[in-house]
Amino acid sequence: MSTTSARSRSPEERLAILKKAHAVLAGSGRDLQLKQSRNAAILRKAHAIVGQAREQKRLRRCAKLAALKAIAAVREAYKNINASSTSDIDRKCWRERQALVEAELMKIAKLGSR
């Protein structure tokens, strides 16, 4: 047996090795078992991919919801700050800061919509 690892082989070499192994198994009458095991592996991989996609969608929805809740909390907090502020200059500064914070949170909410 060769000392080179499977990762160091080219795709063509790996394909040739697989074809040779399949031919040996087919010659011994185990080709049906080989097909079944290959189909089972493909099905497991497909289920894993679907599960990962669902989890990513769930996490995006959670991020969007958290961002929207944070936007509501920021608006309430800045409303209270502006109500307690006596200077128009302070209010203007707080509104500018509020706009920055809300813009960043909206970016997160939009990322959750993808």
C-alpha atoms as a PDB file:
ATOM      1  CA  MET A   1       0.000   0.000   0.000  1.00  0.00           C
ATOM      2  CA  SER A   2       1.189   3.492  -0.825  1.00  0.00           C
ATOM      3  CA  THR A   3       2.483   5.830   1.863  1.00  0.00           C
ATOM      4  CA  THR A   4       0.976   8.966   0.299  1.00  0.00           C
ATOM      5  CA  SER A   5      -2.134  10.238   1.955  1.00  0.00           C
ATOM      6  CA  ALA A   6      -5.464  10.575   0.177  1.00  0.00           C
ATOM      7  CA  ARG A   7      -5.261  14.359   0.450  1.00  0.00           C
ATOM      8  CA  SER A   8      -1.952  14.537  -1.399  1.00  0.00           C
ATOM      9  CA  ARG A   9      -3.330  12.645  -4.397  1.00  0.00           C
ATOM     10  CA  SER A  10      -4.820  14.458  -7.339  1.00  0.00           C
ATOM     11  CA  PRO A  11      -8.559  14.170  -8.000  1.00  0.00           C
ATOM     12  CA  GLU A  12      -7.802  12.025 -11.044  1.00  0.00           C
ATOM     13  CA  GLU A  13      -5.776   9.581  -8.937  1.00  0.00           C
ATOM     14  CA  ARG A  14      -8.513   9.351  -6.325  1.00  0.00           C
ATOM     15  CA  LEU A  15     -11.110   8.760  -9.044  1.00  0.00           C
ATOM     16  CA  ALA A  16      -8.993   6.007 -10.587  1.00  0.00           C
ATOM     17  CA  ILE A  17      -8.583   4.316  -7.191  1.00  0.00           C
ATOM     18  CA  LEU A  18     -12.336   4.524  -6.566  1.00  0.00           C
ATOM     19  CA  LYS A  19     -13.135   3.096 -10.001  1.00  0.00           C
ATOM     20  CA  LYS A  20     -10.732   0.214  -9.396  1.00  0.00           C
ATOM     21  CA  ALA A  21     -12.281  -0.486  -5.989  1.00  0.00           C
ATOM     22  CA  HIS A  22     -15.789  -0.377  -7.471  1.00  0.00           C
ATOM     23  CA  ALA A  23     -14.757  -2.771 -10.234  1.00  0.00           C
ATOM     24  CA  VAL A  24     -13.354  -5.227  -7.664  1.00  0.00           C
ATOM     25  CA  LEU A  25     -16.531  -5.034  -5.595  1.00  0.00           C
ATOM     26  CA  ALA A  26     -18.732  -5.375  -8.671  1.00  0.00           C
ATOM     27  CA  GLY A  27     -16.755  -8.411  -9.741  1.00  0.00           C
ATOM     28  CA  SER A  28     -17.347 -10.035  -6.401  1.00  0.00           C
ATOM     29  CA  GLY A  29     -21.107  -9.512  -6.630  1.00  0.00           C
ATOM     30  CA  ARG A  30     -21.235  -6.734  -4.029  1.00  0.00           C
ATOM     31  CA  ASP A  31     -22.187  -3.947  -6.435  1.00  0.00           C
ATOM     32  CA  LEU A  32     -25.751  -3.743  -5.075  1.00  0.00           C
ATOM     33  CA  GLN A  33     -24.433  -3.358  -1.545  1.00  0.00           C
ATOM     34  CA  LEU A  34     -22.019  -0.695  -2.799  1.00  0.00           C
ATOM     35  CA  LYS A  35     -24.832   1.246  -4.496  1.00  0.00           C
ATOM     36  CA  GLN A  36     -26.991   1.041  -1.372  1.00  0.00           C
ATOM     37  CA  SER A  37     -24.208   2.253   0.877  1.00  0.00           C
ATOM     38  CA  ARG A  38     -23.369   5.081  -1.536  1.00  0.00           C
ATOM     39  CA  ASN A  39     -27.022   6.107  -1.729  1.00  0.00           C
ATOM     40  CA  ALA A  40     -27.276   6.024   2.062  1.00  0.00           C
ATOM     41  CA  ALA A  41     -24.177   8.232   2.363  1.00  0.00           C
ATOM     42  CA  ILE A  42     -25.586  10.702  -0.158  1.00  0.00           C
ATOM     43  CA  LEU A  43     -28.883  10.776   1.708  1.00  0.00           C
ATOM     44  CA  ARG A  44     -27.119  11.399   5.052  1.00  0.00           C
ATOM     45  CA  LYS A  45     -25.141  14.241   3.513  1.00  0.00           C
ATOM     46  CA  ALA A  46     -28.306  15.748   1.994  1.00  0.00           C
ATOM     47  CA  HIS A  47     -30.077  15.602   5.365  1.00  0.00           C
ATOM     48  CA  ALA A  48     -27.084  17.281   7.000  1.00  0.00           C
ATOM     49  CA  ILE A  49     -27.045  20.056   4.399  1.00  0.00           C
ATOM     50  CA  VAL A  50     -30.773  20.670   4.795  1.00  0.00           C
ATOM     51  CA  GLY A  51     -30.357  20.745   8.578  1.00  0.00           C
ATOM     52  CA  GLN A  52     -27.525  23.271   8.325  1.00  0.00           C
ATOM     53  CA  ALA A  53     -29.573  25.469   5.982  1.00  0.00           C
ATOM     54  CA  ARG A  54     -32.527  25.394   8.371  1.00  0.00           C
ATOM     55  CA  GLU A  55     -30.281  26.312  11.292  1.00  0.00           C
ATOM     56  CA  GLN A  56     -28.771  29.218   9.361  1.00  0.00           C
ATOM     57  CA  LYS A  57     -32.235  30.504   8.485  1.00  0.00           C
ATOM     58  CA  ARG A  58     -33.308  30.179  12.118  1.00  0.00           C
ATOM     59  CA  LEU A  59     -30.250  32.111  13.281  1.00  0.00           C
ATOM     60  CA  ARG A  60     -30.911  34.844  10.721  1.00  0.00           C
ATOM     61  CA  ARG A  61     -34.499  35.152  11.920  1.00  0.00           C
ATOM     62  CA  CYS A  62     -33.288  35.363  15.526  1.00  0.00           C
ATOM     63  CA  ALA A  63     -30.749  38.054  14.608  1.00  0.00           C
ATOM     64  CA  LYS A  64     -33.399  40.058  12.785  1.00  0.00           C
ATOM     65  CA  LEU A  65     -35.818  39.811  15.695  1.00  0.00           C
ATOM     66  CA  ALA A  66     -33.123  40.820  18.182  1.00  0.00           C
ATOM     67  CA  ALA A  67     -32.127  43.781  16.003  1.00  0.00           C
ATOM     68  CA  LEU A  68     -35.737  44.942  15.680  1.00  0.00           C
ATOM     69  CA  LYS A  69     -36.221  44.666  19.442  1.00  0.00           C
ATOM     70  CA  ALA A  70     -33.006  46.615  19.962  1.00  0.00           C
ATOM     71  CA  ILE A  71     -34.202  49.333  17.581  1.00  0.00           C
ATOM     72  CA  ALA A  72     -37.404  49.682  19.575  1.00  0.00           C
ATOM     73  CA  ALA A  73     -35.428  49.891  22.828  1.00  0.00           C
ATOM     74  CA  VAL A  74     -33.025  52.464  21.342  1.00  0.00           C
ATOM     75  CA  ARG A  75     -35.907  54.623  20.149  1.00  0.00           C
ATOM     76  CA  GLU A  76     -37.504  54.521  23.590  1.00  0.00           C
ATOM     77  CA  ALA A  77     -34.209  55.315  25.332  1.00  0.00           C
ATOM     78  CA  TYR A  78     -33.403  58.235  23.041  1.00  0.00           C
ATOM     79  CA  LYS A  79     -36.970  59.526  23.384  1.00  0.00           C
ATOM     80  CA  ASN A  80     -36.484  59.612  27.152  1.00  0.00           C
ATOM     81  CA  ILE A  81     -33.064  61.240  26.796  1.00  0.00           C
ATOM     82  CA  ASN A  82     -34.432  63.914  24.484  1.00  0.00           C
ATOM     83  CA  ALA A  83     -37.367  64.550  26.805  1.00  0.00           C
ATOM     84  CA  SER A  84     -35.033  65.110  29.751  1.00  0.00           C
ATOM     85  CA  SER A  85     -32.559  67.248  27.806  1.00  0.00           C
ATOM     86  CA  THR A  86     -32.919  71.020  28.100  1.00  0.00           C
ATOM     87  CA  SER A  87     -30.565  72.129  25.352  1.00  0.00           C
ATOM     88  CA  ASP A  88     -31.391  72.061  21.637  1.00  0.00           C
ATOM     89  CA  ILE A  89     -27.722  71.364  20.911  1.00  0.00           C
ATOM     90  CA  ASP A  90     -27.803  68.293  23.166  1.00  0.00           C
ATOM     91  CA  ARG A  91     -30.986  67.078  21.499  1.00  0.00           C
ATOM     92  CA  LYS A  92     -29.419  67.452  18.069  1.00  0.00           C
ATOM     93  CA  CYS A  93     -26.345  65.455  19.169  1.00  0.00           C
ATOM     94  CA  TRP A  94     -28.527  62.724  20.667  1.00  0.00           C
ATOM     95  CA  ARG A  95     -30.615  62.526  17.474  1.00  0.00           C
ATOM     96  CA  GLU A  96     -27.438  62.139  15.398  1.00  0.00           C
ATOM     97  CA  ARG A  97     -26.203  59.372  17.677  1.00  0.00           C
ATOM     98  CA  GLN A  98     -29.610  57.726  17.564  1.00  0.00           C
ATOM     99  CA  ALA A  99     -29.522  57.744  13.764  1.00  0.00           C
ATOM    100  CA  LEU A 100     -26.097  56.049  13.776  1.00  0.00           C
ATOM    101  CA  VAL A 101     -27.182  53.361  16.200  1.00  0.00           C
ATOM    102  CA  GLU A 102     -30.427  52.703  14.350  1.00  0.00           C
ATOM    103  CA  ALA A 103     -28.595  52.525  11.010  1.00  0.00           C
ATOM    104  CA  GLU A 104     -26.262  49.820  12.336  1.00  0.00           C
ATOM    105  CA  LEU A 105     -29.149  47.859  13.803  1.00  0.00           C
ATOM    106  CA  MET A 106     -31.053  48.125  10.512  1.00  0.00           C
ATOM    107  CA  LYS A 107     -28.036  46.617   8.732  1.00  0.00           C
ATOM    108  CA  ILE A 108     -28.274  43.635  11.072  1.00  0.00           C
ATOM    109  CA  ALA A 109     -32.021  43.378  10.528  1.00  0.00           C
ATOM    110  CA  LYS A 110     -31.534  43.430   6.744  1.00  0.00           C
ATOM    111  CA  LEU A 111     -28.863  40.727   6.970  1.00  0.00           C
ATOM    112  CA  GLY A 112     -31.394  38.593   8.823  1.00  0.00           C
ATOM    113  CA  SER A 113     -33.792  38.936   5.889  1.00  0.00           C
ATOM    114  CA  ARG A 114     -31.515  37.288   3.338  1.00  0.00           C
END
